[in-house]
Protein backbone atom coordinates (compact mmCIF):
# COMPACT_ATOMS: atom_id res chain seq x y z
CA MET A 1 70.34 -55.92 -24.49
CA ILE A 2 69.77 -54.99 -28.47
CA ASP A 3 70.44 -51.43 -29.26
CA LEU A 4 67.27 -49.79 -30.59
CA SER A 5 66.70 -46.56 -31.83
CA GLU A 6 64.24 -44.25 -30.06
CA GLN A 7 61.55 -44.66 -33.16
CA GLN A 8 62.27 -48.26 -33.66
CA GLN A 9 61.54 -48.73 -29.74
CA ARG A 10 58.39 -46.22 -30.47
CA ASP A 11 57.08 -48.71 -33.60
CA PHE A 12 58.07 -52.02 -31.87
CA GLU A 13 56.17 -50.96 -28.50
CA ALA A 14 53.04 -49.70 -30.89
CA ALA A 15 52.93 -52.79 -32.88
CA ALA A 16 52.96 -54.62 -29.90
CA PHE A 17 50.09 -52.76 -28.41
CA ARG A 18 47.83 -53.17 -30.91
CA ARG A 19 48.56 -56.68 -31.37
CA LEU A 20 48.04 -57.21 -27.01
CA VAL A 21 44.22 -54.90 -28.10
CA ALA A 22 43.14 -56.81 -31.11
CA HIS A 23 43.91 -60.40 -28.86
CA MET A 24 41.69 -58.94 -25.78
CA ARG A 25 39.02 -57.82 -28.53
CA GLU A 26 39.46 -61.37 -30.07
CA ARG A 27 38.92 -62.84 -26.37
CA SER A 28 36.09 -61.22 -25.45
CA ASP A 29 35.35 -64.60 -23.65
CA VAL A 30 37.78 -63.79 -20.72
CA GLN A 31 35.60 -60.48 -18.17
CA ASN A 32 37.25 -57.59 -16.81
CA ILE A 33 37.67 -58.69 -13.87
CA GLU A 34 38.87 -62.52 -14.32
CA LEU A 35 42.00 -60.11 -15.38
CA MET A 36 42.61 -58.46 -12.74
CA ASN A 37 42.53 -61.26 -10.59
CA MET A 38 45.06 -63.12 -12.51
CA ALA A 39 47.60 -60.20 -14.26
CA GLY A 40 46.41 -57.25 -12.20
CA PHE A 41 44.94 -55.00 -15.02
CA CYS A 42 42.38 -55.19 -17.39
CA ARG A 43 40.75 -53.34 -20.75
CA ASN A 44 39.87 -50.90 -18.04
CA CYS A 45 42.83 -50.62 -17.61
CA LEU A 46 44.01 -50.68 -20.39
CA ALA A 47 42.36 -47.44 -21.95
CA ASN A 48 42.99 -45.41 -18.64
CA TRP A 49 46.42 -45.69 -19.21
CA TYR A 50 45.36 -45.10 -23.26
CA ARG A 51 43.98 -41.98 -21.64
CA ASP A 52 46.75 -40.70 -19.34
CA ALA A 53 49.03 -40.60 -21.99
CA ALA A 54 47.05 -38.53 -24.23
CA GLU A 55 46.24 -36.38 -22.17
CA GLY A 56 49.93 -36.67 -21.33
CA GLU A 57 50.41 -35.05 -24.71
CA GLY A 58 47.70 -32.60 -24.58
CA VAL A 59 44.79 -34.60 -26.16
CA ALA A 60 41.68 -34.33 -23.87
CA LEU A 61 39.61 -37.38 -24.12
CA THR A 62 36.32 -39.08 -22.49
CA LYS A 63 37.03 -42.56 -20.45
CA GLU A 64 33.91 -43.29 -23.28
CA ASP A 65 36.50 -42.18 -25.99
CA ALA A 66 39.18 -44.14 -24.63
CA ARG A 67 37.40 -47.44 -23.82
CA GLU A 68 35.94 -47.22 -27.06
CA ILE A 69 38.96 -47.63 -28.73
CA ILE A 70 40.06 -50.49 -26.21
CA TYR A 71 36.67 -52.33 -27.15
CA GLY A 72 36.45 -51.22 -30.45
CA MET A 73 32.64 -50.22 -29.72
CA PRO A 74 31.27 -48.33 -27.21
CA TYR A 75 31.40 -49.62 -23.64
CA GLY A 76 28.19 -50.04 -23.16
CA GLU A 77 27.26 -52.28 -25.92
CA TRP A 78 30.39 -54.71 -25.01
CA GLN A 79 29.12 -55.37 -21.75
CA ALA A 80 25.85 -56.06 -23.73
CA ALA A 81 27.21 -58.57 -26.38
CA ASN A 82 29.89 -60.22 -23.46
CA GLN A 83 29.70 -59.45 -19.72
CA THR A 84 28.68 -62.16 -17.97
CA GLU A 85 27.82 -63.57 -14.08
CA VAL A 86 31.16 -64.40 -12.28
CA SER A 87 31.47 -66.99 -9.77
CA ASP A 88 31.43 -65.61 -5.54
CA ILE A 89 35.21 -66.96 -5.14
CA THR A 90 36.07 -64.66 -8.43
CA LYS A 91 34.02 -61.46 -6.77
CA THR A 92 36.14 -62.48 -3.32
CA THR A 93 39.31 -62.67 -4.84
CA PHE A 94 38.74 -59.73 -6.81
CA ALA A 95 37.65 -58.29 -3.28
CA LEU A 96 40.54 -59.40 -1.73
CA THR A 97 43.31 -58.23 -4.49
CA ARG A 98 41.99 -55.76 -6.24
CA PRO A 99 44.55 -52.81 -6.90
CA LYS A 100 43.90 -49.21 -4.44
CA ASP A 101 42.98 -47.53 -7.85
CA HIS A 102 40.07 -50.03 -9.13
């Protein structure tokens, strides 16, 4: 494995995170429940992890603040513009496989 400095590792992780967030913003056609079913996490999970990291450094973020950072807009606006009804199969899959913290 390549030997990276802590600064390089942090910079590369931050760049990958920004790219992931940009990609998820572009793919608003993919619903959170579909992400959960396929990958085990969704945009809301990412917002929660972001908030946890901030709080770990003593920065208080509300759930809404963290979601706005990830979604690029208030969560309610994103829902109104992008959230669609999902199939019963998708809902059943989620109910059977969802992590305990959801």
